[in-house]
Amino acid sequence: MARKPASSSTPPPVASEKPKSSKPKAEKAKPKRKTKAASKGPSLHLSRRTKGWIAAGFTAVCLGFGNWFAHQPAAERAQFGSWEPMLEKLGAVTAGITDDLGITGRDASIPYTQKLPTQTKFWFGQPKVTDLKKAVKDIRILKRQGYWAAWSPVCGHPAYVVYTVPKTKLMDKSPPRPDFKRDPEAPDCPSPEDYLRSGYDRGHMAPNHLIATRYGRKAQDETFLMSNMVPQKPDLNRGPWRELEQIVADDLSNSSTELWVITGPVPNDKKSYINRGKARIPKGFFKIVAKVKRGRLSVMGLYMPQEIRIDKQPRYCFVSIDQIEAMTGLDFFSDLPEADQKILEEVEPTRFWPSLELF
């Protein structure tokens, strides 16, 4: 009998697998998306130096435009409409720098070699009434320690107030504000309560801070007499008028050993009064500042209407003395020769006096 071959324990050969490649499979390249920059061409790369020159050029343009705008007449500036407030701020910053250096701006001045008086606050003559439709003649001069007030019983407020500003201060900060008081020396003087709920502030003509720091606490108390007050709109009193007072007290006073200031209300054609008919409401306010330095008399005039923006820059309120005289019916600098008055009063300044006169 034939023998069967013995079965092998070795498994049948298996088809060998191909060894895996260590190289990753090549992925199908995705098309690159075109960016906006790529579609428009190569991007522009500027060096630091180039960027610096561009920034410097832009700054120069802004500085030049600010100077140009700041020195334009009010009628020209008003043509910019809603842009005017923004351009005023730009001009105030840029022109303020160059004006302070004496590079730009215009002043009103004449040669003056006379000795200034010491016994009177009216350095250049007491204002004369030229138009009774605007000015009043029923005035009484109330002489205070730091100022003189031309009190008008008809108006219920001063027609103007005059004071001088010594460069030297008695104190840097003014004491706490005293209370308002009725002035027993001023006929028909309103009481502090007459201004309540009137919509108007009790506006100082002789300023509290300036008088206090130059003449002391007693003089400060006299600035709170109601004979020194005129109805002022809150935005005017707490905004540009207050800022102007600070400029005179802290900035302009450094430009001379002593300043001369006359300030007051501009009468309204329509006679209206605050509550109880005690004080007449003016349409605005003027301020004239003068100094004598190096043989020259320099003056500047400013006017602010009752309806004024609270952020209005005082440098945009310059007017000529002629304009103030036309609005008030008063003749200022009456002791000067007519030829000198004409030169001094017809010029409309465009800057506050420089602190560093380089040119």
Protein backbone atom coordinates (compact mmCIF):
# COMPACT_ATOMS: atom_id res chain seq x y z
CA MET A 1 0.00 0.00 0.00
CA ALA A 2 1.40 3.28 -1.03
CA ARG A 3 2.35 5.66 1.80
CA LYS A 4 0.95 9.25 1.90
CA PRO A 5 3.53 11.90 2.06
CA ALA A 6 3.81 13.51 5.49
CA SER A 7 2.07 16.93 5.78
CA SER A 8 4.44 19.82 6.28
CA SER A 9 3.89 22.16 9.22
CA THR A 10 5.27 25.06 7.25
CA PRO A 11 2.47 27.37 6.02
CA PRO A 12 2.15 27.96 2.34
CA PRO A 13 4.09 30.88 1.02
CA VAL A 14 2.19 34.20 1.08
CA ALA A 15 2.56 36.75 -1.62
CA SER A 16 5.02 39.34 -0.39
CA GLU A 17 3.78 43.00 0.06
CA LYS A 18 5.62 45.87 -1.47
CA PRO A 19 7.67 47.76 1.11
CA LYS A 20 6.13 51.15 2.13
CA SER A 21 8.00 54.11 0.89
CA SER A 22 9.25 56.56 3.53
CA LYS A 23 8.55 59.48 1.20
CA PRO A 24 5.15 61.18 1.75
CA LYS A 25 2.75 61.16 -1.06
CA ALA A 26 2.90 64.28 -3.10
CA GLU A 27 -0.25 66.31 -2.55
CA LYS A 28 -1.89 68.04 -5.38
CA ALA A 29 -0.88 71.68 -5.33
CA LYS A 30 -3.76 74.06 -4.67
CA PRO A 31 -3.96 77.17 -6.80
CA LYS A 32 -2.91 80.32 -4.86
CA ARG A 33 -5.58 82.86 -4.19
CA LYS A 34 -4.87 86.29 -5.56
CA THR A 35 -4.86 88.99 -2.93
CA LYS A 36 -6.05 92.54 -3.54
CA ALA A 37 -2.49 93.80 -3.33
CA ALA A 38 -1.31 91.19 -5.80
CA SER A 39 -4.08 92.01 -8.21
CA LYS A 40 -3.11 95.68 -8.15
CA GLY A 41 0.57 95.18 -8.60
CA PRO A 42 3.56 95.23 -6.31
CA SER A 43 3.15 96.86 -2.87
CA LEU A 44 4.92 100.15 -2.07
CA HIS A 45 7.53 99.90 0.65
CA LEU A 46 8.72 103.22 2.12
CA SER A 47 11.87 103.69 4.07
CA ARG A 48 11.86 105.31 7.48
CA ARG A 49 13.51 108.39 6.07
CA THR A 50 10.83 108.74 3.38
CA LYS A 51 8.04 108.34 5.95
CA GLY A 52 9.72 110.96 8.10
CA TRP A 53 9.84 113.43 5.22
CA ILE A 54 6.16 112.79 4.46
CA ALA A 55 5.22 113.36 8.11
CA ALA A 56 7.30 116.53 8.22
CA GLY A 57 5.69 117.81 5.03
CA PHE A 58 2.19 117.11 6.34
CA THR A 59 2.99 118.89 9.59
CA ALA A 60 4.34 121.89 7.68
CA VAL A 61 1.15 122.08 5.60
CA CYS A 62 -1.03 121.96 8.74
CA LEU A 63 1.13 124.58 10.44
CA GLY A 64 0.97 126.87 7.43
CA PHE A 65 -2.77 126.46 6.96
CA GLY A 66 -3.39 126.98 10.68
CA ASN A 67 -1.41 130.21 10.61
CA TRP A 68 -3.23 131.41 7.52
CA PHE A 69 -6.67 130.65 8.97
CA ALA A 70 -5.91 132.13 12.40
CA HIS A 71 -4.96 135.48 10.91
CA GLN A 72 -7.98 135.88 8.64
CA PRO A 73 -10.80 138.37 9.40
CA ALA A 74 -13.88 136.96 11.11
CA ALA A 75 -15.95 137.23 7.93
CA GLU A 76 -13.42 135.12 6.00
CA ARG A 77 -13.27 132.45 8.73
CA ALA A 78 -17.06 132.23 8.85
CA GLN A 79 -17.13 131.06 5.23
CA PHE A 80 -15.82 127.68 6.35
CA GLY A 81 -19.19 126.96 7.98
CA SER A 82 -19.26 123.86 10.18
CA TRP A 83 -15.51 123.41 9.73
CA GLU A 84 -14.80 126.69 11.50
CA PRO A 85 -14.71 125.36 15.12
CA MET A 86 -12.25 122.60 14.18
CA LEU A 87 -10.07 124.98 12.17
CA GLU A 88 -10.10 127.46 15.04
CA LYS A 89 -8.59 124.84 17.33
CA LEU A 90 -5.95 123.94 14.75
CA GLY A 91 -5.11 127.58 14.18
CA ALA A 92 -4.96 128.38 17.89
CA VAL A 93 -2.31 125.71 18.42
CA THR A 94 -0.14 126.40 15.40
CA ALA A 95 -0.45 130.18 15.20
CA GLY A 96 -0.07 130.41 18.96
CA ILE A 97 3.47 129.05 18.68
CA THR A 98 4.66 131.35 15.90
CA ASP A 99 2.84 134.36 17.35
CA ASP A 100 4.48 133.81 20.72
CA LEU A 101 7.86 133.86 19.02
CA GLY A 102 6.99 137.10 17.24
CA ILE A 103 7.21 135.50 13.79
CA THR A 104 3.57 135.99 12.75
CA GLY A 105 0.71 138.28 13.68
CA ARG A 106 -0.06 141.99 13.71
CA ASP A 107 -0.13 144.52 16.57
CA ALA A 108 -1.52 148.02 16.98
CA SER A 109 1.16 150.37 18.34
CA ILE A 110 2.57 153.90 18.12
CA PRO A 111 5.68 155.66 19.51
CA TYR A 112 5.04 156.86 23.06
CA THR A 113 7.55 158.49 25.41
CA GLN A 114 5.32 160.22 27.98
CA LYS A 115 5.47 159.31 31.63
CA LEU A 116 2.46 157.30 32.81
CA PRO A 117 0.31 158.86 35.57
CA THR A 118 0.27 157.35 39.05
CA GLN A 119 -2.65 159.23 40.66
CA THR A 120 -5.37 158.07 38.28
CA LYS A 121 -6.55 154.86 36.65
CA PHE A 122 -7.35 156.80 33.46
CA TRP A 123 -3.88 156.63 31.93
CA PHE A 124 -4.96 157.93 28.52
CA GLY A 125 -7.98 160.02 29.53
CA GLN A 126 -11.44 159.20 30.78
CA PRO A 127 -13.69 157.85 28.00
CA LYS A 128 -15.91 160.52 26.46
CA VAL A 129 -19.52 159.96 25.39
CA THR A 130 -19.97 160.44 21.65
CA ASP A 131 -23.35 158.75 21.07
CA LEU A 132 -26.11 159.12 23.67
CA LYS A 133 -28.21 156.48 21.89
CA LYS A 134 -25.67 153.90 23.05
CA ALA A 135 -23.67 155.36 25.93
CA VAL A 136 -25.04 156.80 29.18
CA LYS A 137 -23.97 159.97 30.94
CA ASP A 138 -25.42 159.27 34.40
CA ILE A 139 -22.21 157.71 35.69
CA ARG A 140 -20.53 157.95 39.05
CA ILE A 141 -16.90 156.87 39.41
CA LEU A 142 -16.59 154.42 42.30
CA LYS A 143 -12.95 154.20 43.36
CA ARG A 144 -11.93 150.84 44.76
CA GLN A 145 -8.55 149.62 45.86
CA GLY A 146 -7.90 147.54 42.75
CA TYR A 147 -10.21 149.16 40.17
CA TRP A 148 -12.47 152.09 39.33
CA ALA A 149 -16.04 151.48 38.19
CA ALA A 150 -18.16 153.92 36.15
CA TRP A 151 -21.49 153.10 37.79
CA SER A 152 -24.73 153.77 35.88
CA PRO A 153 -27.96 153.79 37.95
CA VAL A 154 -30.02 153.69 34.74
CA CYS A 155 -28.34 150.48 33.56
CA GLY A 156 -28.01 148.92 37.01
CA HIS A 157 -24.42 147.98 36.20
CA PRO A 158 -21.11 149.72 35.39
CA ALA A 159 -20.72 151.37 31.99
CA TYR A 160 -17.07 150.32 32.17
CA VAL A 161 -14.40 149.34 34.68
CA VAL A 162 -10.73 150.34 34.54
CA TYR A 163 -7.76 148.80 36.36
CA THR A 164 -4.01 148.31 36.10
CA VAL A 165 -2.15 145.00 36.27
CA PRO A 166 1.27 145.07 37.95
CA LYS A 167 3.61 142.30 36.87
CA THR A 168 4.51 141.52 40.50
CA LYS A 169 2.01 139.36 42.39
CA LEU A 170 1.28 139.43 46.11
CA MET A 171 0.20 135.80 45.95
CA ASP A 172 0.09 133.04 43.33
CA LYS A 173 -3.39 131.77 44.19
CA SER A 174 -6.41 133.84 45.06
CA PRO A 175 -8.16 133.22 48.42
CA PRO A 176 -11.57 131.49 48.55
CA ARG A 177 -14.36 133.40 46.84
CA PRO A 178 -16.33 135.72 49.16
CA ASP A 179 -20.09 136.22 48.94
CA PHE A 180 -21.73 138.66 46.54
CA LYS A 181 -22.90 141.85 48.25
CA ARG A 182 -25.02 144.85 47.33
CA ASP A 183 -22.99 148.07 47.08
CA PRO A 184 -24.39 150.78 49.38
CA GLU A 185 -22.38 153.46 47.52
CA ALA A 186 -24.02 152.65 44.16
CA PRO A 187 -27.50 154.17 43.72
CA ASP A 188 -30.18 151.69 42.58
CA CYS A 189 -27.70 148.83 42.87
CA PRO A 190 -29.21 145.36 42.41
CA SER A 191 -28.97 142.74 45.12
CA PRO A 192 -27.38 139.32 44.49
CA GLU A 193 -30.86 137.75 44.55
CA ASP A 194 -32.00 139.86 41.59
CA TYR A 195 -29.98 137.60 39.29
CA LEU A 196 -31.52 134.35 40.55
CA ARG A 197 -33.42 132.32 37.91
CA SER A 198 -32.72 135.04 35.33
CA GLY A 199 -30.70 132.81 33.00
CA TYR A 200 -27.66 135.07 33.46
CA ASP A 201 -24.55 134.88 35.61
CA ARG A 202 -23.27 137.72 37.77
CA GLY A 203 -20.37 138.53 35.45
CA HIS A 204 -17.30 140.23 36.93
CA MET A 205 -15.91 143.24 35.10
CA ALA A 206 -12.90 143.63 37.41
CA PRO A 207 -11.80 139.98 37.68
CA ASN A 208 -11.60 138.20 41.01
CA HIS A 209 -8.33 136.27 40.49
CA LEU A 210 -6.34 139.12 38.94
CA ILE A 211 -7.31 141.74 41.53
CA ALA A 212 -6.81 139.31 44.43
CA THR A 213 -3.32 138.24 43.38
CA ARG A 214 -2.16 141.85 42.78
CA TYR A 215 -3.98 143.86 45.47
CA GLY A 216 -4.87 141.42 48.27
CA ARG A 217 -7.91 140.02 50.05
CA LYS A 218 -9.71 143.32 50.74
CA ALA A 219 -9.47 144.28 47.09
CA GLN A 220 -10.81 140.84 46.15
CA ASP A 221 -13.86 141.39 48.40
CA GLU A 222 -14.62 144.60 46.47
CA THR A 223 -14.76 142.67 43.18
CA PHE A 224 -17.80 140.83 44.59
CA LEU A 225 -19.80 144.02 45.09
CA MET A 226 -22.82 144.05 42.79
CA SER A 227 -21.63 147.36 41.32
CA ASN A 228 -18.95 145.28 39.55
CA MET A 229 -21.45 142.84 38.00
CA VAL A 230 -23.14 142.75 34.60
CA PRO A 231 -25.56 140.04 33.35
CA GLN A 232 -23.57 137.49 31.33
CA LYS A 233 -24.69 134.30 29.62
CA PRO A 234 -23.24 131.24 31.41
CA ASP A 235 -21.36 129.92 28.34
CA LEU A 236 -19.67 133.29 27.91
CA ASN A 237 -18.86 133.86 31.58
CA ARG A 238 -17.54 130.34 32.23
CA GLY A 239 -15.86 129.87 28.86
CA PRO A 240 -14.03 132.42 26.66
CA TRP A 241 -14.48 135.40 29.02
CA ARG A 242 -12.90 133.50 31.89
CA GLU A 243 -10.09 132.30 29.62
CA LEU A 244 -9.43 135.86 28.45
CA GLU A 245 -9.18 137.04 32.07
CA GLN A 246 -6.59 134.32 32.73
CA ILE A 247 -4.59 135.30 29.64
CA VAL A 248 -4.42 138.91 30.82
CA ALA A 249 -3.57 137.97 34.41
CA ASP A 250 -1.00 135.24 33.77
CA ASP A 251 0.37 135.68 30.23
CA LEU A 252 0.12 139.26 29.00
CA SER A 253 1.16 140.63 32.38
CA ASN A 254 4.61 139.10 31.83
CA SER A 255 5.13 141.22 28.70
CA SER A 256 5.42 144.51 30.61
CA THR A 257 5.95 145.89 34.10
CA GLU A 258 2.31 147.02 34.18
CA LEU A 259 -0.77 146.74 31.96
CA TRP A 260 -3.76 149.04 31.63
CA VAL A 261 -7.20 147.51 31.08
CA ILE A 262 -10.64 148.96 30.46
CA THR A 263 -13.59 146.62 30.04
CA GLY A 264 -17.36 146.75 30.04
CA PRO A 265 -20.68 145.91 28.39
CA VAL A 266 -21.74 146.75 24.84
CA PRO A 267 -25.30 148.14 25.00
CA ASN A 268 -28.16 146.37 23.30
CA ASP A 269 -30.39 148.32 20.92
CA LYS A 270 -33.37 146.68 22.60
CA LYS A 271 -33.54 147.67 26.26
CA SER A 272 -34.29 144.49 28.22
CA TYR A 273 -33.64 143.69 31.86
CA ILE A 274 -33.16 140.69 34.12
CA ASN A 275 -35.73 139.75 36.75
CA ARG A 276 -37.41 142.70 38.49
CA GLY A 277 -35.91 145.15 35.99
CA LYS A 278 -32.83 145.83 38.09
CA ALA A 279 -30.00 145.38 35.53
CA ARG A 280 -30.00 146.00 31.79
CA ILE A 281 -28.88 143.11 29.55
CA PRO A 282 -26.08 144.03 27.12
CA LYS A 283 -25.51 142.31 23.79
CA GLY A 284 -21.83 141.67 24.46
CA PHE A 285 -18.65 142.78 26.17
CA PHE A 286 -15.42 144.52 25.22
CA LYS A 287 -11.95 144.53 26.70
CA ILE A 288 -9.09 146.88 25.79
CA VAL A 289 -5.56 146.12 27.02
CA ALA A 290 -2.62 148.54 26.69
CA LYS A 291 1.06 148.52 27.60
CA VAL A 292 4.01 150.88 27.24
CA LYS A 293 7.33 149.19 26.54
CA ARG A 294 10.55 150.31 24.84
CA GLY A 295 9.09 153.66 23.86
CA ARG A 296 5.96 152.26 22.21
CA LEU A 297 2.31 152.16 23.23
CA SER A 298 0.62 148.92 22.15
CA VAL A 299 -3.10 148.20 22.45
CA MET A 300 -5.46 145.34 21.65
CA GLY A 301 -9.24 145.24 21.59
CA LEU A 302 -11.52 142.23 21.93
CA TYR A 303 -15.29 141.78 21.71
CA MET A 304 -17.40 138.80 22.80
CA PRO A 305 -21.15 138.61 22.16
CA GLN A 306 -23.54 137.11 24.70
CA GLU A 307 -24.35 134.26 22.31
CA ILE A 308 -20.92 132.68 21.96
CA ARG A 309 -19.68 129.08 21.95
CA ILE A 310 -18.26 128.00 25.28
CA ASP A 311 -15.17 126.64 23.47
CA LYS A 312 -14.54 129.81 21.43
CA GLN A 313 -10.87 130.76 21.48
CA PRO A 314 -10.26 134.37 22.67
CA ARG A 315 -7.71 134.89 19.89
CA TYR A 316 -10.62 134.86 17.43
CA CYS A 317 -12.31 137.80 19.18
CA PHE A 318 -9.92 140.60 18.20
CA VAL A 319 -11.46 143.84 16.92
CA SER A 320 -10.13 147.35 16.36
CA ILE A 321 -10.63 150.13 18.91
CA ASP A 322 -12.66 151.95 16.25
CA GLN A 323 -15.10 149.04 16.21
CA ILE A 324 -15.47 149.10 20.00
CA GLU A 325 -16.05 152.86 19.94
CA ALA A 326 -18.76 152.43 17.31
CA MET A 327 -20.51 149.75 19.41
CA THR A 328 -20.29 151.58 22.76
CA GLY A 329 -20.65 155.24 21.80
CA LEU A 330 -17.47 156.03 23.78
CA ASP A 331 -14.20 157.67 22.77
CA PHE A 332 -11.16 155.96 24.27
CA PHE A 333 -7.59 157.34 24.43
CA SER A 334 -9.05 160.82 24.30
CA ASP A 335 -5.88 162.41 25.73
CA LEU A 336 -3.79 161.28 22.76
CA PRO A 337 -3.37 163.51 19.68
CA GLU A 338 -5.92 162.81 16.96
CA ALA A 339 -3.23 161.59 14.55
CA ASP A 340 -2.01 159.03 17.10
CA GLN A 341 -5.55 157.92 17.90
CA LYS A 342 -6.24 157.29 14.21
CA ILE A 343 -3.15 155.09 13.78
CA LEU A 344 -3.70 153.21 17.02
CA GLU A 345 -7.43 152.64 16.76
CA GLU A 346 -7.92 151.58 13.14
CA VAL A 347 -5.70 148.47 13.30
CA GLU A 348 -7.29 145.11 14.09
CA PRO A 349 -4.69 142.97 15.93
CA THR A 350 -4.30 139.30 15.04
CA ARG A 351 -2.33 138.01 18.02
CA PHE A 352 -1.65 138.35 21.72
CA TRP A 353 1.67 140.02 22.45
CA PRO A 354 4.64 137.66 22.00
CA SER A 355 6.50 136.48 25.09
CA LEU A 356 9.68 135.91 23.03
CA GLU A 357 10.16 138.63 20.44
CA LEU A 358 12.82 137.11 18.14
CA PHE A 359 12.08 139.36 15.16
